[in-house]
Amino acid sequence: MKNKIPALSRLLLPVKDYELFKNVLPLVELVSKAMADDLEKVDLLHVVGGSFMSTHLNNIDFRAGRVLSSELMKRLREKHDQEIVNPLLSQMQDLLQKSGVGLQATVRVEDGDPVKKICRICDDEEYSTLIIGRKKGEEEGLFVGTAVNGVVNRHLSASIYIVGENGFPAGVSPAARIMIGIDGSPSCLHAAREAGVILGKSPDSIEEVSLVNVLDPSYLYDEDSGDCQQMTDTGYRYMQEAEDILVKEGVESSKIVATVLFGKPGETLVNHAQDFGATMCYVGRRNRSIIAEVLLGSVSGDFFQRCREKTVVLVS
């Protein structure tokens, strides 16, 4: 059994391009400042997949029996590293050093399938937190093969921070307006606890924390679910548990607002996140297979797919 890793103590940042990394940086700065000496490591990970070969492969006529020799493959890879990978990672390291991140980031370059490599390293080396940027305009869906989507659909112990495709508003702290979806599950309380770790150490950055419980009207027709008032009272009880966690971590109770909403959970949470102007949205997730997600449904998965502009945090 793996040891329990303290939240936000070991950060893994898969990096693909400079613009995405700039979107992620304000969050890394916030975590670094909040965690201070409790931050053990920050690692940049760039995975070189087979895509860098595509240009060369397109120019080869395999019907003529031409193949790439291992020596040529090696030269092409070295050229790719020298012209693209090394300058990119050097830029990112410089940006980190000029920021408020207290630790010197370690740079790692790996070969393989990006999704598999990121997930294996994250789990095997026991990172607490995976921070990854979402590319603007990149098509995503439950079965679409983007790296972000692939990572989200894997079983990971680490919390996953998916920075929205627009990054964070200029001059606004990622901790300014936090939304936390509350359904009474252990994972949602873990999400509240993780949010509290950052918020409790960044009190001046907080404008408001919105705790949201969504009641699906379809359950009102279930004889075992109770009436509307009972369900509402239960929702507020769940949110009181979450508020107690946040207050214990150092968040002022006056900045916490609890709200019960009615509607389809995923869609309703997205609408609330937009109306609230959330800078980060925390939701609990159950580590289920992609097939289970399709058959049983998933609020966290639905929310992630619908809420592209906001930073979404998935906590198991």
C-alpha atoms as a PDB file:
ATOM      1  CA  MET A   1       0.000   0.000   0.000  1.00  0.00           C
ATOM      2  CA  LYS A   2       1.277   3.446  -0.931  1.00  0.00           C
ATOM      3  CA  ASN A   3       1.913   6.048   1.714  1.00  0.00           C
ATOM      4  CA  LYS A   4      -0.514   8.935   1.904  1.00  0.00           C
ATOM      5  CA  ILE A   5       1.177  11.867   0.183  1.00  0.00           C
ATOM      6  CA  PRO A   6       0.397  15.327   1.641  1.00  0.00           C
ATOM      7  CA  ALA A   7      -1.747  17.404  -0.700  1.00  0.00           C
ATOM      8  CA  LEU A   8       0.110  19.794  -3.010  1.00  0.00           C
ATOM      9  CA  SER A   9       3.539  18.695  -1.795  1.00  0.00           C
ATOM     10  CA  ARG A  10       4.858  17.106  -5.011  1.00  0.00           C
ATOM     11  CA  LEU A  11       3.942  18.743  -8.311  1.00  0.00           C
ATOM     12  CA  LEU A  12       4.243  17.184 -11.751  1.00  0.00           C
ATOM     13  CA  LEU A  13       3.811  19.578 -14.678  1.00  0.00           C
ATOM     14  CA  PRO A  14       3.556  17.934 -18.099  1.00  0.00           C
ATOM     15  CA  VAL A  15       4.614  20.615 -20.579  1.00  0.00           C
ATOM     16  CA  LYS A  16       3.937  20.731 -24.299  1.00  0.00           C
ATOM     17  CA  ASP A  17       4.328  24.331 -25.417  1.00  0.00           C
ATOM     18  CA  TYR A  18       5.263  27.718 -24.016  1.00  0.00           C
ATOM     19  CA  GLU A  19       1.829  29.351 -24.172  1.00  0.00           C
ATOM     20  CA  LEU A  20       0.179  26.527 -22.225  1.00  0.00           C
ATOM     21  CA  PHE A  21       2.912  26.747 -19.614  1.00  0.00           C
ATOM     22  CA  LYS A  22       2.305  30.480 -19.153  1.00  0.00           C
ATOM     23  CA  ASN A  23      -1.347  29.698 -18.429  1.00  0.00           C
ATOM     24  CA  VAL A  24      -0.321  27.205 -15.744  1.00  0.00           C
ATOM     25  CA  LEU A  25       2.316  29.392 -14.072  1.00  0.00           C
ATOM     26  CA  PRO A  26       0.035  31.566 -11.850  1.00  0.00           C
ATOM     27  CA  LEU A  27      -1.313  28.401 -10.213  1.00  0.00           C
ATOM     28  CA  VAL A  28       2.186  27.002  -9.649  1.00  0.00           C
ATOM     29  CA  GLU A  29       3.211  30.316  -8.100  1.00  0.00           C
ATOM     30  CA  LEU A  30       0.185  30.268  -5.793  1.00  0.00           C
ATOM     31  CA  VAL A  31       0.840  26.691  -4.653  1.00  0.00           C
ATOM     32  CA  SER A  32       4.533  27.413  -4.110  1.00  0.00           C
ATOM     33  CA  LYS A  33       3.783  30.466  -1.987  1.00  0.00           C
ATOM     34  CA  ALA A  34       1.070  28.703   0.015  1.00  0.00           C
ATOM     35  CA  MET A  35       3.046  25.513   0.646  1.00  0.00           C
ATOM     36  CA  ALA A  36       6.406  27.210   1.268  1.00  0.00           C
ATOM     37  CA  ASP A  37       8.751  24.692   2.944  1.00  0.00           C
ATOM     38  CA  ASP A  38       6.129  21.926   2.660  1.00  0.00           C
ATOM     39  CA  LEU A  39       6.581  21.880  -1.113  1.00  0.00           C
ATOM     40  CA  GLU A  40       8.970  18.990  -1.712  1.00  0.00           C
ATOM     41  CA  LYS A  41       9.472  19.127  -5.461  1.00  0.00           C
ATOM     42  CA  VAL A  42       8.326  20.613  -8.758  1.00  0.00           C
ATOM     43  CA  ASP A  43       9.111  18.629 -11.907  1.00  0.00           C
ATOM     44  CA  LEU A  44       8.624  19.613 -15.538  1.00  0.00           C
ATOM     45  CA  LEU A  45       7.904  16.638 -17.783  1.00  0.00           C
ATOM     46  CA  HIS A  46       8.070  16.707 -21.567  1.00  0.00           C
ATOM     47  CA  VAL A  47       7.108  13.488 -23.340  1.00  0.00           C
ATOM     48  CA  VAL A  48       8.381  13.004 -26.868  1.00  0.00           C
ATOM     49  CA  GLY A  49       5.868  10.810 -28.645  1.00  0.00           C
ATOM     50  CA  GLY A  50       5.972   9.567 -32.198  1.00  0.00           C
ATOM     51  CA  SER A  51       4.517  12.796 -33.580  1.00  0.00           C
ATOM     52  CA  PHE A  52       7.916  14.401 -34.129  1.00  0.00           C
ATOM     53  CA  MET A  53       8.584  11.712 -36.754  1.00  0.00           C
ATOM     54  CA  SER A  54       5.451  12.389 -38.784  1.00  0.00           C
ATOM     55  CA  THR A  55       7.020  14.938 -41.122  1.00  0.00           C
ATOM     56  CA  HIS A  56       9.858  12.581 -41.971  1.00  0.00           C
ATOM     57  CA  LEU A  57       7.610   9.564 -42.368  1.00  0.00           C
ATOM     58  CA  ASN A  58       5.375  11.436 -44.788  1.00  0.00           C
ATOM     59  CA  ASN A  59       8.343  11.834 -47.121  1.00  0.00           C
ATOM     60  CA  ILE A  60       9.164   8.135 -47.247  1.00  0.00           C
ATOM     61  CA  ASP A  61       7.798   5.763 -49.853  1.00  0.00           C
ATOM     62  CA  PHE A  62       7.436   2.503 -47.902  1.00  0.00           C
ATOM     63  CA  ARG A  63       6.220   0.720 -51.050  1.00  0.00           C
ATOM     64  CA  ALA A  64       9.730   1.145 -52.410  1.00  0.00           C
ATOM     65  CA  GLY A  65      11.080  -0.712 -49.426  1.00  0.00           C
ATOM     66  CA  ARG A  66      12.684   2.319 -47.808  1.00  0.00           C
ATOM     67  CA  VAL A  67      12.878   2.263 -44.042  1.00  0.00           C
ATOM     68  CA  LEU A  68      14.444   4.449 -41.411  1.00  0.00           C
ATOM     69  CA  SER A  69      17.656   3.052 -40.017  1.00  0.00           C
ATOM     70  CA  SER A  70      18.237   3.157 -36.273  1.00  0.00           C
ATOM     71  CA  GLU A  71      21.101   5.580 -36.897  1.00  0.00           C
ATOM     72  CA  LEU A  72      18.868   7.939 -38.850  1.00  0.00           C
ATOM     73  CA  MET A  73      16.180   7.676 -36.170  1.00  0.00           C
ATOM     74  CA  LYS A  74      18.777   8.648 -33.588  1.00  0.00           C
ATOM     75  CA  ARG A  75      19.906  11.680 -35.632  1.00  0.00           C
ATOM     76  CA  LEU A  76      16.331  12.833 -36.172  1.00  0.00           C
ATOM     77  CA  ARG A  77      15.629  12.593 -32.472  1.00  0.00           C
ATOM     78  CA  GLU A  78      18.782  14.514 -31.569  1.00  0.00           C
ATOM     79  CA  LYS A  79      17.850  17.218 -34.049  1.00  0.00           C
ATOM     80  CA  HIS A  80      14.348  17.411 -32.550  1.00  0.00           C
ATOM     81  CA  ASP A  81      15.816  17.792 -29.049  1.00  0.00           C
ATOM     82  CA  GLN A  82      18.299  20.473 -30.097  1.00  0.00           C
ATOM     83  CA  GLU A  83      15.888  22.550 -32.166  1.00  0.00           C
ATOM     84  CA  ILE A  84      12.638  22.178 -30.226  1.00  0.00           C
ATOM     85  CA  VAL A  85      12.755  20.389 -26.877  1.00  0.00           C
ATOM     86  CA  ASN A  86      15.836  21.926 -25.249  1.00  0.00           C
ATOM     87  CA  PRO A  87      15.009  25.571 -26.135  1.00  0.00           C
ATOM     88  CA  LEU A  88      11.414  25.039 -24.985  1.00  0.00           C
ATOM     89  CA  LEU A  89      12.385  23.605 -21.604  1.00  0.00           C
ATOM     90  CA  SER A  90      15.086  26.247 -21.136  1.00  0.00           C
ATOM     91  CA  GLN A  91      12.465  28.969 -21.671  1.00  0.00           C
ATOM     92  CA  MET A  92      10.188  27.360 -19.124  1.00  0.00           C
ATOM     93  CA  GLN A  93      12.910  27.016 -16.524  1.00  0.00           C
ATOM     94  CA  ASP A  94      13.823  30.690 -16.967  1.00  0.00           C
ATOM     95  CA  LEU A  95      10.173  31.661 -16.529  1.00  0.00           C
ATOM     96  CA  LEU A  96       9.931  29.623 -13.331  1.00  0.00           C
ATOM     97  CA  GLN A  97      13.108  31.145 -11.921  1.00  0.00           C
ATOM     98  CA  LYS A  98      11.782  34.660 -12.536  1.00  0.00           C
ATOM     99  CA  SER A  99       8.477  33.790 -10.850  1.00  0.00           C
ATOM    100  CA  GLY A 100       7.769  33.300  -7.167  1.00  0.00           C
ATOM    101  CA  VAL A 101       8.328  29.536  -7.250  1.00  0.00           C
ATOM    102  CA  GLY A 102      10.702  28.745  -4.411  1.00  0.00           C
ATOM    103  CA  LEU A 103      12.087  25.437  -5.676  1.00  0.00           C
ATOM    104  CA  GLN A 104      14.386  24.774  -8.593  1.00  0.00           C
ATOM    105  CA  ALA A 105      12.337  22.701 -10.998  1.00  0.00           C
ATOM    106  CA  THR A 106      13.760  19.468 -12.327  1.00  0.00           C
ATOM    107  CA  VAL A 107      13.394  18.980 -16.080  1.00  0.00           C
ATOM    108  CA  ARG A 108      12.589  15.527 -17.416  1.00  0.00           C
ATOM    109  CA  VAL A 109      12.350  14.354 -21.009  1.00  0.00           C
ATOM    110  CA  GLU A 110      10.790  10.951 -21.673  1.00  0.00           C
ATOM    111  CA  ASP A 111       9.904   8.916 -24.762  1.00  0.00           C
ATOM    112  CA  GLY A 112       6.613   7.130 -25.282  1.00  0.00           C
ATOM    113  CA  ASP A 113       2.885   7.582 -25.360  1.00  0.00           C
ATOM    114  CA  PRO A 114       2.233  10.887 -23.508  1.00  0.00           C
ATOM    115  CA  VAL A 115      -0.868   9.739 -21.615  1.00  0.00           C
ATOM    116  CA  LYS A 116       0.595   6.422 -20.490  1.00  0.00           C
ATOM    117  CA  LYS A 117       3.935   7.980 -19.573  1.00  0.00           C
ATOM    118  CA  ILE A 118       2.426  10.868 -17.596  1.00  0.00           C
ATOM    119  CA  CYS A 119       0.105   8.569 -15.647  1.00  0.00           C
ATOM    120  CA  ARG A 120       2.761   5.944 -14.933  1.00  0.00           C
ATOM    121  CA  ILE A 121       5.279   8.496 -13.661  1.00  0.00           C
ATOM    122  CA  CYS A 122       2.630  10.313 -11.628  1.00  0.00           C
ATOM    123  CA  ASP A 123       1.522   7.125  -9.853  1.00  0.00           C
ATOM    124  CA  ASP A 124       4.789   5.204  -9.612  1.00  0.00           C
ATOM    125  CA  GLU A 125       6.732   8.156  -8.253  1.00  0.00           C
ATOM    126  CA  GLU A 126       3.900   9.238  -5.955  1.00  0.00           C
ATOM    127  CA  TYR A 127       3.243  12.810  -7.003  1.00  0.00           C
ATOM    128  CA  SER A 128       0.480  14.483  -5.021  1.00  0.00           C
ATOM    129  CA  THR A 129      -0.596  16.820  -7.791  1.00  0.00           C
ATOM    130  CA  LEU A 130      -0.741  16.838 -11.576  1.00  0.00           C
ATOM    131  CA  ILE A 131      -1.094  20.274 -13.181  1.00  0.00           C
ATOM    132  CA  ILE A 132      -1.848  20.322 -16.884  1.00  0.00           C
ATOM    133  CA  GLY A 133      -3.032  22.999 -19.296  1.00  0.00           C
ATOM    134  CA  ARG A 134      -5.958  22.673 -21.668  1.00  0.00           C
ATOM    135  CA  LYS A 135      -5.250  23.839 -25.206  1.00  0.00           C
ATOM    136  CA  LYS A 136      -7.608  26.411 -26.682  1.00  0.00           C
ATOM    137  CA  GLY A 137      -9.749  25.118 -29.526  1.00  0.00           C
ATOM    138  CA  GLU A 138      -8.599  21.530 -29.052  1.00  0.00           C
ATOM    139  CA  GLU A 139     -11.494  19.150 -29.639  1.00  0.00           C
ATOM    140  CA  GLU A 140     -12.357  16.990 -26.652  1.00  0.00           C
ATOM    141  CA  GLY A 141     -14.962  14.439 -25.790  1.00  0.00           C
ATOM    142  CA  LEU A 142     -15.258  11.222 -23.864  1.00  0.00           C
ATOM    143  CA  PHE A 143     -13.507   9.179 -26.543  1.00  0.00           C
ATOM    144  CA  VAL A 144     -11.415  11.891 -28.210  1.00  0.00           C
ATOM    145  CA  GLY A 145      -7.716  11.173 -27.863  1.00  0.00           C
ATOM    146  CA  THR A 146      -6.236  14.364 -26.413  1.00  0.00           C
ATOM    147  CA  ALA A 147      -3.603  14.085 -23.700  1.00  0.00           C
ATOM    148  CA  VAL A 148      -5.740  15.948 -21.145  1.00  0.00           C
ATOM    149  CA  ASN A 149      -8.753  13.764 -21.832  1.00  0.00           C
ATOM    150  CA  GLY A 150      -6.639  10.619 -21.691  1.00  0.00           C
ATOM    151  CA  VAL A 151      -5.168  11.559 -18.317  1.00  0.00           C
ATOM    152  CA  VAL A 152      -8.561  12.406 -16.826  1.00  0.00           C
ATOM    153  CA  ASN A 153      -9.929   9.012 -17.866  1.00  0.00           C
ATOM    154  CA  ARG A 154      -7.156   7.116 -16.063  1.00  0.00           C
ATOM    155  CA  HIS A 155      -7.049   5.943 -12.451  1.00  0.00           C
ATOM    156  CA  LEU A 156      -4.758   8.348 -10.616  1.00  0.00           C
ATOM    157  CA  SER A 157      -4.162   8.867  -6.925  1.00  0.00           C
ATOM    158  CA  ALA A 158      -2.968  12.415  -7.531  1.00  0.00           C
ATOM    159  CA  SER A 159      -5.302  15.388  -7.679  1.00  0.00           C
ATOM    160  CA  ILE A 160      -5.584  16.760 -11.213  1.00  0.00           C
ATOM    161  CA  TYR A 161      -5.595  20.506 -11.872  1.00  0.00           C
ATOM    162  CA  ILE A 162      -6.730  21.226 -15.447  1.00  0.00           C
ATOM    163  CA  VAL A 163      -6.056  24.880 -16.174  1.00  0.00           C
ATOM    164  CA  GLY A 164      -8.755  26.344 -18.428  1.00  0.00           C
ATOM    165  CA  GLU A 165      -8.003  27.122 -22.045  1.00  0.00           C
ATOM    166  CA  ASN A 166      -7.964  30.877 -21.342  1.00  0.00           C
ATOM    167  CA  GLY A 167      -5.724  30.597 -18.292  1.00  0.00           C
ATOM    168  CA  PHE A 168      -6.431  32.930 -15.356  1.00  0.00           C
ATOM    169  CA  PRO A 169      -7.694  36.529 -15.637  1.00  0.00           C
ATOM    170  CA  ALA A 170      -4.842  39.046 -15.599  1.00  0.00           C
ATOM    171  CA  GLY A 171      -4.173  40.430 -12.137  1.00  0.00           C
ATOM    172  CA  VAL A 172      -6.583  38.007 -10.437  1.00  0.00           C
ATOM    173  CA  SER A 173      -5.353  35.316  -8.060  1.00  0.00           C
ATOM    174  CA  PRO A 174      -6.376  31.732  -8.877  1.00  0.00           C
ATOM    175  CA  ALA A 175      -7.623  31.611  -5.267  1.00  0.00           C
ATOM    176  CA  ALA A 176      -9.943  34.613  -5.658  1.00  0.00           C
ATOM    177  CA  ARG A 177     -13.259  32.910  -6.400  1.00  0.00           C
ATOM    178  CA  ILE A 178     -13.409  29.216  -5.590  1.00  0.00           C
ATOM    179  CA  MET A 179     -16.363  26.963  -6.324  1.00  0.00           C
ATOM    180  CA  ILE A 180     -16.605  23.555  -4.637  1.00  0.00           C
ATOM    181  CA  GLY A 181     -19.241  21.029  -5.674  1.00  0.00           C
ATOM    182  CA  ILE A 182     -20.635  19.243  -2.613  1.00  0.00           C
ATOM    183  CA  ASP A 183     -22.644  16.009  -2.772  1.00  0.00           C
ATOM    184  CA  GLY A 184     -21.777  14.402   0.562  1.00  0.00           C
ATOM    185  CA  SER A 185     -19.320  11.892  -0.903  1.00  0.00           C
ATOM    186  CA  PRO A 186     -15.881  11.326   0.661  1.00  0.00           C
ATOM    187  CA  SER A 187     -14.247  12.630  -2.522  1.00  0.00           C
ATOM    188  CA  CYS A 188     -16.052  15.981  -2.369  1.00  0.00           C
ATOM    189  CA  LEU A 189     -14.920  16.447   1.238  1.00  0.00           C
ATOM    190  CA  HIS A 190     -11.379  15.599   0.121  1.00  0.00           C
ATOM    191  CA  ALA A 191     -11.798  18.320  -2.501  1.00  0.00           C
ATOM    192  CA  ALA A 192     -12.871  20.814   0.177  1.00  0.00           C
ATOM    193  CA  ARG A 193      -9.885  19.826   2.297  1.00  0.00           C
ATOM    194  CA  GLU A 194      -7.461  20.306  -0.591  1.00  0.00           C
ATOM    195  CA  ALA A 195      -8.968  23.683  -1.454  1.00  0.00           C
ATOM    196  CA  GLY A 196      -8.587  24.613   2.207  1.00  0.00           C
ATOM    197  CA  VAL A 197      -4.857  23.875   2.099  1.00  0.00           C
ATOM    198  CA  ILE A 198      -4.384  26.651  -0.474  1.00  0.00           C
ATOM    199  CA  LEU A 199      -7.051  29.040   0.765  1.00  0.00           C
ATOM    200  CA  GLY A 200      -6.082  28.860   4.431  1.00  0.00           C
ATOM    201  CA  LYS A 201      -2.584  30.023   3.525  1.00  0.00           C
ATOM    202  CA  SER A 202      -3.744  32.667   1.037  1.00  0.00           C
ATOM    203  CA  PRO A 203      -6.398  34.578   3.017  1.00  0.00           C
ATOM    204  CA  ASP A 204      -5.778  37.942   1.352  1.00  0.00           C
ATOM    205  CA  SER A 205      -6.383  36.441  -2.091  1.00  0.00           C
ATOM    206  CA  ILE A 206      -9.893  35.170  -1.320  1.00  0.00           C
ATOM    207  CA  GLU A 207     -12.940  37.100  -2.469  1.00  0.00           C
ATOM    208  CA  GLU A 208     -15.540  34.356  -2.011  1.00  0.00           C
ATOM    209  CA  VAL A 209     -15.844  30.596  -1.710  1.00  0.00           C
ATOM    210  CA  SER A 210     -19.022  29.109  -3.159  1.00  0.00           C
ATOM    211  CA  LEU A 211     -20.170  25.732  -1.840  1.00  0.00           C
ATOM    212  CA  VAL A 212     -22.764  24.258  -4.190  1.00  0.00           C
ATOM    213  CA  ASN A 213     -25.075  21.300  -3.766  1.00  0.00           C
ATOM    214  CA  VAL A 214     -27.160  20.396  -6.818  1.00  0.00           C
ATOM    215  CA  LEU A 215     -30.425  18.503  -6.452  1.00  0.00           C
ATOM    216  CA  ASP A 216     -31.495  16.553  -9.511  1.00  0.00           C
ATOM    217  CA  PRO A 217     -35.305  17.000  -9.816  1.00  0.00           C
ATOM    218  CA  SER A 218     -35.625  13.456 -11.137  1.00  0.00           C
ATOM    219  CA  TYR A 219     -34.864  12.134  -7.654  1.00  0.00           C
ATOM    220  CA  LEU A 220     -37.984  13.812  -6.331  1.00  0.00           C
ATOM    221  CA  TYR A 221     -39.982  11.121  -8.110  1.00  0.00           C
ATOM    222  CA  ASP A 222     -38.096   8.378  -6.286  1.00  0.00           C
ATOM    223  CA  GLU A 223     -40.135   7.184  -3.293  1.00  0.00           C
ATOM    224  CA  ASP A 224     -36.967   6.461  -1.315  1.00  0.00           C
ATOM    225  CA  SER A 225     -35.412   9.902  -1.811  1.00  0.00           C
ATOM    226  CA  GLY A 226     -37.661  11.920   0.494  1.00  0.00           C
ATOM    227  CA  ASP A 227     -39.338  15.225  -0.216  1.00  0.00           C
ATOM    228  CA  CYS A 228     -37.771  18.416  -1.502  1.00  0.00           C
ATOM    229  CA  GLN A 229     -37.303  19.957   1.947  1.00  0.00           C
ATOM    230  CA  GLN A 230     -35.539  16.863   3.264  1.00  0.00           C
ATOM    231  CA  MET A 231     -33.184  16.809   0.301  1.00  0.00           C
ATOM    232  CA  THR A 232     -32.456  20.521   0.690  1.00  0.00           C
ATOM    233  CA  ASP A 233     -31.722  20.099   4.402  1.00  0.00           C
ATOM    234  CA  THR A 234     -29.406  17.205   3.580  1.00  0.00           C
ATOM    235  CA  GLY A 235     -27.594  19.350   1.017  1.00  0.00           C
ATOM    236  CA  TYR A 236     -27.010  22.115   3.562  1.00  0.00           C
ATOM    237  CA  ARG A 237     -25.767  19.543   6.092  1.00  0.00           C
ATOM    238  CA  TYR A 238     -23.220  18.299   3.557  1.00  0.00           C
ATOM    239  CA  MET A 239     -22.101  21.868   2.895  1.00  0.00           C
ATOM    240  CA  GLN A 240     -21.781  22.576   6.605  1.00  0.00           C
ATOM    241  CA  GLU A 241     -19.307  19.685   6.815  1.00  0.00           C
ATOM    242  CA  ALA A 242     -17.317  21.227   3.985  1.00  0.00           C
ATOM    243  CA  GLU A 243     -17.460  24.692   5.580  1.00  0.00           C
ATOM    244  CA  ASP A 244     -16.170  23.287   8.873  1.00  0.00           C
ATOM    245  CA  ILE A 245     -13.208  21.794   7.001  1.00  0.00           C
ATOM    246  CA  LEU A 246     -12.426  25.111   5.319  1.00  0.00           C
ATOM    247  CA  VAL A 247     -12.720  27.116   8.536  1.00  0.00           C
ATOM    248  CA  LYS A 248     -10.442  24.656  10.306  1.00  0.00           C
ATOM    249  CA  GLU A 249      -7.865  25.272   7.562  1.00  0.00           C
ATOM    250  CA  GLY A 250      -8.062  29.013   8.219  1.00  0.00           C
ATOM    251  CA  VAL A 251     -10.698  30.322   5.769  1.00  0.00           C
ATOM    252  CA  GLU A 252     -12.949  33.065   7.167  1.00  0.00           C
ATOM    253  CA  SER A 253     -16.528  31.822   7.465  1.00  0.00           C
ATOM    254  CA  SER A 254     -17.813  35.218   6.259  1.00  0.00           C
ATOM    255  CA  LYS A 255     -16.288  34.495   2.835  1.00  0.00           C
ATOM    256  CA  ILE A 256     -18.050  31.139   2.458  1.00  0.00           C
ATOM    257  CA  VAL A 257     -21.497  31.019   0.835  1.00  0.00           C
ATOM    258  CA  ALA A 258     -23.561  27.805   0.637  1.00  0.00           C
ATOM    259  CA  THR A 259     -26.096  27.380  -2.162  1.00  0.00           C
ATOM    260  CA  VAL A 260     -28.552  24.639  -3.137  1.00  0.00           C
ATOM    261  CA  LEU A 261     -29.490  24.532  -6.812  1.00  0.00           C
ATOM    262  CA  PHE A 262     -31.894  22.385  -8.819  1.00  0.00           C
ATOM    263  CA  GLY A 263     -31.091  20.810 -12.171  1.00  0.00           C
ATOM    264  CA  LYS A 264     -28.852  18.309 -13.902  1.00  0.00           C
ATOM    265  CA  PRO A 265     -25.695  18.353 -11.755  1.00  0.00           C
ATOM    266  CA  GLY A 266     -23.005  18.707 -14.444  1.00  0.00           C
ATOM    267  CA  GLU A 267     -24.836  21.335 -16.474  1.00  0.00           C
ATOM    268  CA  THR A 268     -25.998  23.241 -13.386  1.00  0.00           C
ATOM    269  CA  LEU A 269     -22.492  23.365 -11.890  1.00  0.00           C
ATOM    270  CA  VAL A 270     -21.104  24.723 -15.167  1.00  0.00           C
ATOM    271  CA  ASN A 271     -23.747  27.474 -15.305  1.00  0.00           C
ATOM    272  CA  HIS A 272     -23.057  28.401 -11.693  1.00  0.00           C
ATOM    273  CA  ALA A 273     -19.291  28.475 -12.288  1.00  0.00           C
ATOM    274  CA  GLN A 274     -19.844  30.916 -15.161  1.00  0.00           C
ATOM    275  CA  ASP A 275     -22.296  33.129 -13.253  1.00  0.00           C
ATOM    276  CA  PHE A 276     -20.099  33.111 -10.143  1.00  0.00           C
ATOM    277  CA  GLY A 277     -16.960  33.947 -12.122  1.00  0.00           C
ATOM    278  CA  ALA A 278     -15.045  31.055 -10.569  1.00  0.00           C
ATOM    279  CA  THR A 279     -11.272  31.101 -10.879  1.00  0.00           C
ATOM    280  CA  MET A 280     -11.058  27.436  -9.827  1.00  0.00           C
ATOM    281  CA  CYS A 281     -13.723  24.749  -9.540  1.00  0.00           C
ATOM    282  CA  TYR A 282     -13.175  21.782  -7.215  1.00  0.00           C
ATOM    283  CA  VAL A 283     -15.176  18.590  -7.669  1.00  0.00           C
ATOM    284  CA  GLY A 284     -14.725  15.133  -6.202  1.00  0.00           C
ATOM    285  CA  ARG A 285     -14.190  12.227  -8.567  1.00  0.00           C
ATOM    286  CA  ARG A 286     -14.606   8.495  -8.269  1.00  0.00           C
ATOM    287  CA  ASN A 287     -11.793   6.548  -9.910  1.00  0.00           C
ATOM    288  CA  ARG A 288     -13.892   4.535 -12.332  1.00  0.00           C
ATOM    289  CA  SER A 289     -13.116   3.145 -15.755  1.00  0.00           C
ATOM    290  CA  ILE A 290     -14.235   4.987 -18.880  1.00  0.00           C
ATOM    291  CA  ILE A 291     -16.823   2.266 -19.506  1.00  0.00           C
ATOM    292  CA  ALA A 292     -18.291   2.818 -16.043  1.00  0.00           C
ATOM    293  CA  GLU A 293     -18.406   6.540 -16.783  1.00  0.00           C
ATOM    294  CA  VAL A 294     -20.496   5.848 -19.882  1.00  0.00           C
ATOM    295  CA  LEU A 295     -22.843   3.372 -18.200  1.00  0.00           C
ATOM    296  CA  LEU A 296     -23.243   5.054 -14.815  1.00  0.00           C
ATOM    297  CA  GLY A 297     -22.552   8.668 -15.625  1.00  0.00           C
ATOM    298  CA  SER A 298     -20.173  11.006 -13.824  1.00  0.00           C
ATOM    299  CA  VAL A 299     -20.785  14.511 -12.543  1.00  0.00           C
ATOM    300  CA  SER A 300     -17.066  15.297 -12.474  1.00  0.00           C
ATOM    301  CA  GLY A 301     -16.591  13.944 -16.004  1.00  0.00           C
ATOM    302  CA  ASP A 302     -19.602  15.846 -17.330  1.00  0.00           C
ATOM    303  CA  PHE A 303     -18.452  19.037 -15.630  1.00  0.00           C
ATOM    304  CA  PHE A 304     -14.908  18.653 -16.983  1.00  0.00           C
ATOM    305  CA  GLN A 305     -16.153  18.205 -20.555  1.00  0.00           C
ATOM    306  CA  ARG A 306     -18.536  21.168 -20.415  1.00  0.00           C
ATOM    307  CA  CYS A 307     -16.395  23.676 -18.499  1.00  0.00           C
ATOM    308  CA  ARG A 308     -13.455  24.341 -20.815  1.00  0.00           C
ATOM    309  CA  GLU A 309     -12.786  27.960 -19.870  1.00  0.00           C
ATOM    310  CA  LYS A 310     -12.453  27.438 -16.125  1.00  0.00           C
ATOM    311  CA  THR A 311      -9.738  25.689 -14.162  1.00  0.00           C
ATOM    312  CA  VAL A 312     -11.186  22.400 -12.964  1.00  0.00           C
ATOM    313  CA  VAL A 313      -9.724  20.458 -10.048  1.00  0.00           C
ATOM    314  CA  LEU A 314     -10.545  16.745  -9.750  1.00  0.00           C
ATOM    315  CA  VAL A 315      -9.869  15.230  -6.324  1.00  0.00           C
ATOM    316  CA  SER A 316     -10.310  11.537  -5.489  1.00  0.00           C
END
